[in-house]
Amino acid sequence: MKIFYIHRLLARRKILNDCWLWTGHLSWDGYGRFDVEGKTVSTHRLAYQYFKGPIPKGLFVMHSCDVRACFNPDHLSVGANQQNIL
């Protein structure tokens, strides 16, 4: 992943109660959206991949803070769909 995208990502954050809130476009369900090389990706998934590594196949990136617009890597982990629902 190009460092250029991370600089753009971090430039669009607002820190509130330890969450890094995305100030750009949000999806209809409240997740941050970001364009990378013509493809729209979720900001929390992009942040997870940059700061923590690849997302294992079949797993979801979950928020410990339950704030969908947050992309603070300290709030992100991976888990199965059932864990994500809980």
PDB file of N, CA and C in Angstrom:
ATOM      1  N   MET A   1       0.832  -1.173   0.000  1.00  0.00           N
ATOM      2  CA  MET A   1       0.000   0.000   0.000  1.00  0.00           C
ATOM      3  C   MET A   1       0.884   1.245   0.000  1.00  0.00           C
ATOM      4  N   LYS A   2       0.542   2.179  -0.814  1.00  0.00           N
ATOM      5  CA  LYS A   2       1.352   3.383  -0.940  1.00  0.00           C
ATOM      6  C   LYS A   2       1.141   4.303   0.261  1.00  0.00           C
ATOM      7  N   ILE A   3       2.230   4.865   0.763  1.00  0.00           N
ATOM      8  CA  ILE A   3       2.187   5.759   1.916  1.00  0.00           C
ATOM      9  C   ILE A   3       1.321   6.978   1.630  1.00  0.00           C
ATOM     10  N   PHE A   4       1.215   7.354   0.382  1.00  0.00           N
ATOM     11  CA  PHE A   4       0.393   8.487  -0.040  1.00  0.00           C
ATOM     12  C   PHE A   4      -1.046   8.341   0.460  1.00  0.00           C
ATOM     13  N   TYR A   5      -1.581   7.139   0.384  1.00  0.00           N
ATOM     14  CA  TYR A   5      -2.965   6.919   0.803  1.00  0.00           C
ATOM     15  C   TYR A   5      -3.128   7.068   2.307  1.00  0.00           C
ATOM     16  N   ILE A   6      -2.147   6.653   3.065  1.00  0.00           N
ATOM     17  CA  ILE A   6      -2.219   6.783   4.518  1.00  0.00           C
ATOM     18  C   ILE A   6      -2.174   8.257   4.909  1.00  0.00           C
ATOM     19  N   HIS A   7      -1.344   9.046   4.240  1.00  0.00           N
ATOM     20  CA  HIS A   7      -1.316  10.482   4.524  1.00  0.00           C
ATOM     21  C   HIS A   7      -2.672  11.115   4.240  1.00  0.00           C
ATOM     22  N   ARG A   8      -3.291  10.733   3.143  1.00  0.00           N
ATOM     23  CA  ARG A   8      -4.628  11.247   2.814  1.00  0.00           C
ATOM     24  C   ARG A   8      -5.651  10.789   3.841  1.00  0.00           C
ATOM     25  N   LEU A   9      -5.536   9.540   4.266  1.00  0.00           N
ATOM     26  CA  LEU A   9      -6.460   8.992   5.262  1.00  0.00           C
ATOM     27  C   LEU A   9      -6.334   9.748   6.585  1.00  0.00           C
ATOM     28  N   LEU A  10      -5.118   9.917   7.049  1.00  0.00           N
ATOM     29  CA  LEU A  10      -4.893  10.582   8.339  1.00  0.00           C
ATOM     30  C   LEU A  10      -5.255  12.064   8.297  1.00  0.00           C
ATOM     31  N   ALA A  11      -5.165  12.669   7.134  1.00  0.00           N
ATOM     32  CA  ALA A  11      -5.519  14.087   7.002  1.00  0.00           C
ATOM     33  C   ALA A  11      -7.021  14.321   7.159  1.00  0.00           C
ATOM     34  N   ARG A  12      -7.821  13.278   7.012  1.00  0.00           N
ATOM     35  CA  ARG A  12      -9.280  13.396   7.087  1.00  0.00           C
ATOM     36  C   ARG A  12      -9.832  12.800   8.376  1.00  0.00           C
ATOM     37  N   ARG A  13      -9.067  12.847   9.447  1.00  0.00           N
ATOM     38  CA  ARG A  13      -9.558  12.291  10.721  1.00  0.00           C
ATOM     39  C   ARG A  13      -9.804  13.405  11.730  1.00  0.00           C
ATOM     40  N   LYS A  14     -10.770  13.146  12.574  1.00  0.00           N
ATOM     41  CA  LYS A  14     -11.062  14.001  13.716  1.00  0.00           C
ATOM     42  C   LYS A  14     -10.990  13.100  14.939  1.00  0.00           C
ATOM     43  N   ILE A  15     -10.133  13.437  15.888  1.00  0.00           N
ATOM     44  CA  ILE A  15      -9.980  12.595  17.071  1.00  0.00           C
ATOM     45  C   ILE A  15     -10.991  13.042  18.115  1.00  0.00           C
ATOM     46  N   LEU A  16     -11.818  12.092  18.548  1.00  0.00           N
ATOM     47  CA  LEU A  16     -12.858  12.358  19.532  1.00  0.00           C
ATOM     48  C   LEU A  16     -12.994  11.140  20.433  1.00  0.00           C
ATOM     49  N   ASN A  17     -12.757  11.318  21.717  1.00  0.00           N
ATOM     50  CA  ASN A  17     -12.854  10.218  22.687  1.00  0.00           C
ATOM     51  C   ASN A  17     -12.012   9.013  22.267  1.00  0.00           C
ATOM     52  N   ASP A  18     -10.829   9.257  21.784  1.00  0.00           N
ATOM     53  CA  ASP A  18      -9.877   8.232  21.370  1.00  0.00           C
ATOM     54  C   ASP A  18     -10.223   7.571  20.031  1.00  0.00           C
ATOM     55  N   CYS A  19     -11.340   7.921  19.434  1.00  0.00           N
ATOM     56  CA  CYS A  19     -11.678   7.405  18.106  1.00  0.00           C
ATOM     57  C   CYS A  19     -11.081   8.334  17.052  1.00  0.00           C
ATOM     58  N   TRP A  20     -10.668   7.749  15.946  1.00  0.00           N
ATOM     59  CA  TRP A  20     -10.253   8.504  14.777  1.00  0.00           C
ATOM     60  C   TRP A  20     -11.446   8.509  13.834  1.00  0.00           C
ATOM     61  N   LEU A  21     -12.215   9.564  13.850  1.00  0.00           N
ATOM     62  CA  LEU A  21     -13.423   9.621  13.041  1.00  0.00           C
ATOM     63  C   LEU A  21     -13.123  10.111  11.636  1.00  0.00           C
ATOM     64  N   TRP A  22     -13.640   9.418  10.659  1.00  0.00           N
ATOM     65  CA  TRP A  22     -13.476   9.768   9.261  1.00  0.00           C
ATOM     66  C   TRP A  22     -14.384  10.948   8.950  1.00  0.00           C
ATOM     67  N   THR A  23     -13.807  12.028   8.409  1.00  0.00           N
ATOM     68  CA  THR A  23     -14.578  13.232   8.105  1.00  0.00           C
ATOM     69  C   THR A  23     -14.974  13.313   6.635  1.00  0.00           C
ATOM     70  N   GLY A  24     -14.626  12.304   5.876  1.00  0.00           N
ATOM     71  CA  GLY A  24     -14.993  12.261   4.466  1.00  0.00           C
ATOM     72  C   GLY A  24     -16.309  11.541   4.260  1.00  0.00           C
ATOM     73  N   HIS A  25     -16.465  10.974   3.087  1.00  0.00           N
ATOM     74  CA  HIS A  25     -17.704  10.289   2.701  1.00  0.00           C
ATOM     75  C   HIS A  25     -17.970   9.084   3.595  1.00  0.00           C
ATOM     76  N   LEU A  26     -19.226   8.930   3.996  1.00  0.00           N
ATOM     77  CA  LEU A  26     -19.663   7.757   4.750  1.00  0.00           C
ATOM     78  C   LEU A  26     -20.623   6.947   3.892  1.00  0.00           C
ATOM     79  N   SER A  27     -20.583   5.644   4.050  1.00  0.00           N
ATOM     80  CA  SER A  27     -21.533   4.781   3.363  1.00  0.00           C
ATOM     81  C   SER A  27     -22.914   4.951   3.991  1.00  0.00           C
ATOM     82  N   TRP A  28     -23.919   4.398   3.369  1.00  0.00           N
ATOM     83  CA  TRP A  28     -25.291   4.523   3.888  1.00  0.00           C
ATOM     84  C   TRP A  28     -25.420   3.980   5.308  1.00  0.00           C
ATOM     85  N   ASP A  29     -24.534   3.041   5.698  1.00  0.00           N
ATOM     86  CA  ASP A  29     -24.632   2.450   7.039  1.00  0.00           C
ATOM     87  C   ASP A  29     -23.584   3.012   8.012  1.00  0.00           C
ATOM     88  N   GLY A  30     -22.912   4.117   7.629  1.00  0.00           N
ATOM     89  CA  GLY A  30     -22.067   4.847   8.559  1.00  0.00           C
ATOM     90  C   GLY A  30     -20.582   4.542   8.554  1.00  0.00           C
ATOM     91  N   TYR A  31     -20.127   3.677   7.660  1.00  0.00           N
ATOM     92  CA  TYR A  31     -18.701   3.364   7.577  1.00  0.00           C
ATOM     93  C   TYR A  31     -17.987   4.372   6.678  1.00  0.00           C
ATOM     94  N   GLY A  32     -16.748   4.728   7.055  1.00  0.00           N
ATOM     95  CA  GLY A  32     -15.952   5.622   6.226  1.00  0.00           C
ATOM     96  C   GLY A  32     -15.613   4.974   4.901  1.00  0.00           C
ATOM     97  N   ARG A  33     -15.642   5.756   3.834  1.00  0.00           N
ATOM     98  CA  ARG A  33     -15.334   5.265   2.483  1.00  0.00           C
ATOM     99  C   ARG A  33     -14.207   6.107   1.906  1.00  0.00           C
ATOM    100  N   PHE A  34     -13.329   5.451   1.154  1.00  0.00           N
ATOM    101  CA  PHE A  34     -12.110   6.091   0.661  1.00  0.00           C
ATOM    102  C   PHE A  34     -11.760   5.464  -0.676  1.00  0.00           C
ATOM    103  N   ASP A  35     -11.356   6.283  -1.649  1.00  0.00           N
ATOM    104  CA  ASP A  35     -10.987   5.772  -2.973  1.00  0.00           C
ATOM    105  C   ASP A  35      -9.490   5.495  -3.042  1.00  0.00           C
ATOM    106  N   VAL A  36      -9.153   4.270  -3.436  1.00  0.00           N
ATOM    107  CA  VAL A  36      -7.767   3.842  -3.619  1.00  0.00           C
ATOM    108  C   VAL A  36      -7.658   3.249  -5.019  1.00  0.00           C
ATOM    109  N   GLU A  37      -6.933   3.963  -5.873  1.00  0.00           N
ATOM    110  CA  GLU A  37      -6.693   3.504  -7.247  1.00  0.00           C
ATOM    111  C   GLU A  37      -7.980   3.122  -7.960  1.00  0.00           C
ATOM    112  N   GLY A  38      -8.991   3.983  -7.844  1.00  0.00           N
ATOM    113  CA  GLY A  38     -10.261   3.766  -8.531  1.00  0.00           C
ATOM    114  C   GLY A  38     -11.208   2.800  -7.850  1.00  0.00           C
ATOM    115  N   LYS A  39     -10.845   2.288  -6.694  1.00  0.00           N
ATOM    116  CA  LYS A  39     -11.694   1.341  -5.970  1.00  0.00           C
ATOM    117  C   LYS A  39     -12.071   1.954  -4.623  1.00  0.00           C
ATOM    118  N   THR A  40     -13.338   1.865  -4.249  1.00  0.00           N
ATOM    119  CA  THR A  40     -13.782   2.386  -2.968  1.00  0.00           C
ATOM    120  C   THR A  40     -13.578   1.317  -1.906  1.00  0.00           C
ATOM    121  N   VAL A  41     -12.896   1.708  -0.818  1.00  0.00           N
ATOM    122  CA  VAL A  41     -12.620   0.780   0.285  1.00  0.00           C
ATOM    123  C   VAL A  41     -13.105   1.403   1.594  1.00  0.00           C
ATOM    124  N   SER A  42     -13.292   0.578   2.592  1.00  0.00           N
ATOM    125  CA  SER A  42     -13.679   1.051   3.921  1.00  0.00           C
ATOM    126  C   SER A  42     -12.438   1.555   4.650  1.00  0.00           C
ATOM    127  N   THR A  43     -12.579   2.703   5.319  1.00  0.00           N
ATOM    128  CA  THR A  43     -11.437   3.296   5.997  1.00  0.00           C
ATOM    129  C   THR A  43     -10.914   2.403   7.119  1.00  0.00           C
ATOM    130  N   HIS A  44     -11.804   1.717   7.824  1.00  0.00           N
ATOM    131  CA  HIS A  44     -11.336   0.858   8.916  1.00  0.00           C
ATOM    132  C   HIS A  44     -10.553  -0.335   8.381  1.00  0.00           C
ATOM    133  N   ARG A  45     -10.940  -0.857   7.238  1.00  0.00           N
ATOM    134  CA  ARG A  45     -10.203  -1.973   6.640  1.00  0.00           C
ATOM    135  C   ARG A  45      -8.846  -1.514   6.118  1.00  0.00           C
ATOM    136  N   LEU A  46      -8.810  -0.332   5.505  1.00  0.00           N
ATOM    137  CA  LEU A  46      -7.550   0.229   5.008  1.00  0.00           C
ATOM    138  C   LEU A  46      -6.594   0.473   6.172  1.00  0.00           C
ATOM    139  N   ALA A  47      -7.090   1.059   7.251  1.00  0.00           N
ATOM    140  CA  ALA A  47      -6.252   1.333   8.423  1.00  0.00           C
ATOM    141  C   ALA A  47      -5.747   0.029   9.038  1.00  0.00           C
ATOM    142  N   TYR A  48      -6.606  -0.978   9.130  1.00  0.00           N
ATOM    143  CA  TYR A  48      -6.180  -2.259   9.697  1.00  0.00           C
ATOM    144  C   TYR A  48      -5.036  -2.842   8.869  1.00  0.00           C
ATOM    145  N   GLN A  49      -5.204  -2.846   7.567  1.00  0.00           N
ATOM    146  CA  GLN A  49      -4.189  -3.427   6.689  1.00  0.00           C
ATOM    147  C   GLN A  49      -2.868  -2.675   6.784  1.00  0.00           C
ATOM    148  N   TYR A  50      -2.922  -1.358   6.883  1.00  0.00           N
ATOM    149  CA  TYR A  50      -1.692  -0.584   6.942  1.00  0.00           C
ATOM    150  C   TYR A  50      -0.980  -0.755   8.287  1.00  0.00           C
ATOM    151  N   PHE A  51      -1.717  -0.627   9.370  1.00  0.00           N
ATOM    152  CA  PHE A  51      -1.103  -0.622  10.692  1.00  0.00           C
ATOM    153  C   PHE A  51      -0.905  -2.009  11.297  1.00  0.00           C
ATOM    154  N   LYS A  52      -1.732  -2.990  10.897  1.00  0.00           N
ATOM    155  CA  LYS A  52      -1.663  -4.309  11.535  1.00  0.00           C
ATOM    156  C   LYS A  52      -1.322  -5.451  10.589  1.00  0.00           C
ATOM    157  N   GLY A  53      -1.610  -5.322   9.326  1.00  0.00           N
ATOM    158  CA  GLY A  53      -1.282  -6.368   8.372  1.00  0.00           C
ATOM    159  C   GLY A  53      -2.491  -6.850   7.597  1.00  0.00           C
ATOM    160  N   PRO A  54      -2.303  -7.903   6.809  1.00  0.00           N
ATOM    161  CA  PRO A  54      -3.387  -8.411   5.968  1.00  0.00           C
ATOM    162  C   PRO A  54      -4.580  -8.899   6.793  1.00  0.00           C
ATOM    163  N   ILE A  55      -5.750  -8.793   6.199  1.00  0.00           N
ATOM    164  CA  ILE A  55      -6.965  -9.311   6.813  1.00  0.00           C
ATOM    165  C   ILE A  55      -7.104 -10.761   6.357  1.00  0.00           C
ATOM    166  N   PRO A  56      -7.075 -11.712   7.293  1.00  0.00           N
ATOM    167  CA  PRO A  56      -7.205 -13.119   6.893  1.00  0.00           C
ATOM    168  C   PRO A  56      -8.520 -13.376   6.153  1.00  0.00           C
ATOM    169  N   LYS A  57      -8.449 -14.211   5.146  1.00  0.00           N
ATOM    170  CA  LYS A  57      -9.614 -14.533   4.324  1.00  0.00           C
ATOM    171  C   LYS A  57     -10.753 -15.056   5.202  1.00  0.00           C
ATOM    172  N   GLY A  58     -11.939 -14.533   4.960  1.00  0.00           N
ATOM    173  CA  GLY A  58     -13.125 -14.970   5.678  1.00  0.00           C
ATOM    174  C   GLY A  58     -13.375 -14.275   7.005  1.00  0.00           C
ATOM    175  N   LEU A  59     -12.459 -13.381   7.416  1.00  0.00           N
ATOM    176  CA  LEU A  59     -12.646 -12.684   8.686  1.00  0.00           C
ATOM    177  C   LEU A  59     -13.063 -11.234   8.438  1.00  0.00           C
ATOM    178  N   PHE A  60     -13.644 -10.625   9.452  1.00  0.00           N
ATOM    179  CA  PHE A  60     -14.136  -9.258   9.399  1.00  0.00           C
ATOM    180  C   PHE A  60     -13.261  -8.370  10.271  1.00  0.00           C
ATOM    181  N   VAL A  61     -13.173  -7.087   9.917  1.00  0.00           N
ATOM    182  CA  VAL A  61     -12.501  -6.119  10.785  1.00  0.00           C
ATOM    183  C   VAL A  61     -13.573  -5.551  11.710  1.00  0.00           C
ATOM    184  N   MET A  62     -13.354  -5.703  13.016  1.00  0.00           N
ATOM    185  CA  MET A  62     -14.336  -5.321  14.023  1.00  0.00           C
ATOM    186  C   MET A  62     -13.847  -4.099  14.800  1.00  0.00           C
ATOM    187  N   HIS A  63     -14.796  -3.311  15.299  1.00  0.00           N
ATOM    188  CA  HIS A  63     -14.515  -2.122  16.108  1.00  0.00           C
ATOM    189  C   HIS A  63     -14.794  -2.436  17.583  1.00  0.00           C
ATOM    190  N   SER A  64     -13.809  -2.277  18.448  1.00  0.00           N
ATOM    191  CA  SER A  64     -14.065  -2.447  19.883  1.00  0.00           C
ATOM    192  C   SER A  64     -14.881  -1.282  20.429  1.00  0.00           C
ATOM    193  N   CYS A  65     -14.835  -0.133  19.760  1.00  0.00           N
ATOM    194  CA  CYS A  65     -15.561   1.060  20.200  1.00  0.00           C
ATOM    195  C   CYS A  65     -16.991   1.098  19.661  1.00  0.00           C
ATOM    196  N   ASP A  66     -17.309   0.228  18.709  1.00  0.00           N
ATOM    197  CA  ASP A  66     -18.626   0.184  18.055  1.00  0.00           C
ATOM    198  C   ASP A  66     -18.994   1.481  17.336  1.00  0.00           C
ATOM    199  N   VAL A  67     -17.988   2.252  16.913  1.00  0.00           N
ATOM    200  CA  VAL A  67     -18.214   3.480  16.141  1.00  0.00           C
ATOM    201  C   VAL A  67     -17.802   3.180  14.705  1.00  0.00           C
ATOM    202  N   ARG A  68     -18.767   3.085  13.826  1.00  0.00           N
ATOM    203  CA  ARG A  68     -18.501   2.653  12.452  1.00  0.00           C
ATOM    204  C   ARG A  68     -17.567   3.579  11.695  1.00  0.00           C
ATOM    205  N   ALA A  69     -17.580   4.867  11.974  1.00  0.00           N
ATOM    206  CA  ALA A  69     -16.728   5.830  11.265  1.00  0.00           C
ATOM    207  C   ALA A  69     -15.308   5.867  11.827  1.00  0.00           C
ATOM    208  N   CYS A  70     -15.037   5.116  12.897  1.00  0.00           N
ATOM    209  CA  CYS A  70     -13.712   5.097  13.527  1.00  0.00           C
ATOM    210  C   CYS A  70     -12.751   4.214  12.731  1.00  0.00           C
ATOM    211  N   PHE A  71     -11.499   4.694  12.603  1.00  0.00           N
ATOM    212  CA  PHE A  71     -10.471   3.872  11.972  1.00  0.00           C
ATOM    213  C   PHE A  71      -9.184   3.853  12.792  1.00  0.00           C
ATOM    214  N   ASN A  72      -9.298   4.074  14.104  1.00  0.00           N
ATOM    215  CA  ASN A  72      -8.146   3.982  15.004  1.00  0.00           C
ATOM    216  C   ASN A  72      -7.712   2.515  15.064  1.00  0.00           C
ATOM    217  N   PRO A  73      -6.477   2.207  14.656  1.00  0.00           N
ATOM    218  CA  PRO A  73      -6.044   0.804  14.635  1.00  0.00           C
ATOM    219  C   PRO A  73      -6.074   0.149  16.019  1.00  0.00           C
ATOM    220  N   ASP A  74      -5.990   0.945  17.085  1.00  0.00           N
ATOM    221  CA  ASP A  74      -6.084   0.378  18.438  1.00  0.00           C
ATOM    222  C   ASP A  74      -7.488  -0.129  18.744  1.00  0.00           C
ATOM    223  N   HIS A  75      -8.461   0.291  17.980  1.00  0.00           N
ATOM    224  CA  HIS A  75      -9.846  -0.130  18.178  1.00  0.00           C
ATOM    225  C   HIS A  75     -10.241  -1.272  17.236  1.00  0.00           C
ATOM    226  N   LEU A  76      -9.332  -1.689  16.377  1.00  0.00           N
ATOM    227  CA  LEU A  76      -9.664  -2.664  15.338  1.00  0.00           C
ATOM    228  C   LEU A  76      -9.039  -4.022  15.608  1.00  0.00           C
ATOM    229  N   SER A  77      -9.811  -5.052  15.329  1.00  0.00           N
ATOM    230  CA  SER A  77      -9.324  -6.435  15.405  1.00  0.00           C
ATOM    231  C   SER A  77     -10.070  -7.231  14.347  1.00  0.00           C
ATOM    232  N   VAL A  78      -9.643  -8.451  14.127  1.00  0.00           N
ATOM    233  CA  VAL A  78     -10.348  -9.303  13.172  1.00  0.00           C
ATOM    234  C   VAL A  78     -11.055 -10.426  13.905  1.00  0.00           C
ATOM    235  N   GLY A  79     -12.130 -10.886  13.313  1.00  0.00           N
ATOM    236  CA  GLY A  79     -12.882 -11.984  13.896  1.00  0.00           C
ATOM    237  C   GLY A  79     -13.894 -12.521  12.912  1.00  0.00           C
ATOM    238  N   ALA A  80     -14.521 -13.596  13.297  1.00  0.00           N
ATOM    239  CA  ALA A  80     -15.546 -14.228  12.466  1.00  0.00           C
ATOM    240  C   ALA A  80     -16.833 -13.398  12.500  1.00  0.00           C
ATOM    241  N   ASN A  81     -17.719 -13.670  11.581  1.00  0.00           N
ATOM    242  CA  ASN A  81     -18.966 -12.925  11.481  1.00  0.00           C
ATOM    243  C   ASN A  81     -19.754 -12.947  12.796  1.00  0.00           C
ATOM    244  N   GLN A  82     -19.832 -14.084  13.464  1.00  0.00           N
ATOM    245  CA  GLN A  82     -20.576 -14.185  14.713  1.00  0.00           C
ATOM    246  C   GLN A  82     -19.984 -13.257  15.781  1.00  0.00           C
ATOM    247  N   GLN A  83     -18.657 -13.196  15.863  1.00  0.00           N
ATOM    248  CA  GLN A  83     -18.008 -12.278  16.810  1.00  0.00           C
ATOM    249  C   GLN A  83     -18.347 -10.831  16.462  1.00  0.00           C
ATOM    250  N   ASN A  84     -18.360 -10.529  15.184  1.00  0.00           N
ATOM    251  CA  ASN A  84     -18.643  -9.180  14.735  1.00  0.00           C
ATOM    252  C   ASN A  84     -20.074  -8.784  15.098  1.00  0.00           C
ATOM    253  N   ILE A  85     -20.997  -9.694  14.983  1.00  0.00           N
ATOM    254  CA  ILE A  85     -22.400  -9.417  15.307  1.00  0.00           C
ATOM    255  C   ILE A  85     -22.556  -9.117  16.799  1.00  0.00           C
ATOM    256  N   LEU A  86     -21.839  -9.898  17.614  1.00  0.00           N
ATOM    257  CA  LEU A  86     -21.944  -9.701  19.063  1.00  0.00           C
ATOM    258  C   LEU A  86     -21.330  -8.382  19.471  1.00  0.00           C
TER     259      LEU A  86
END
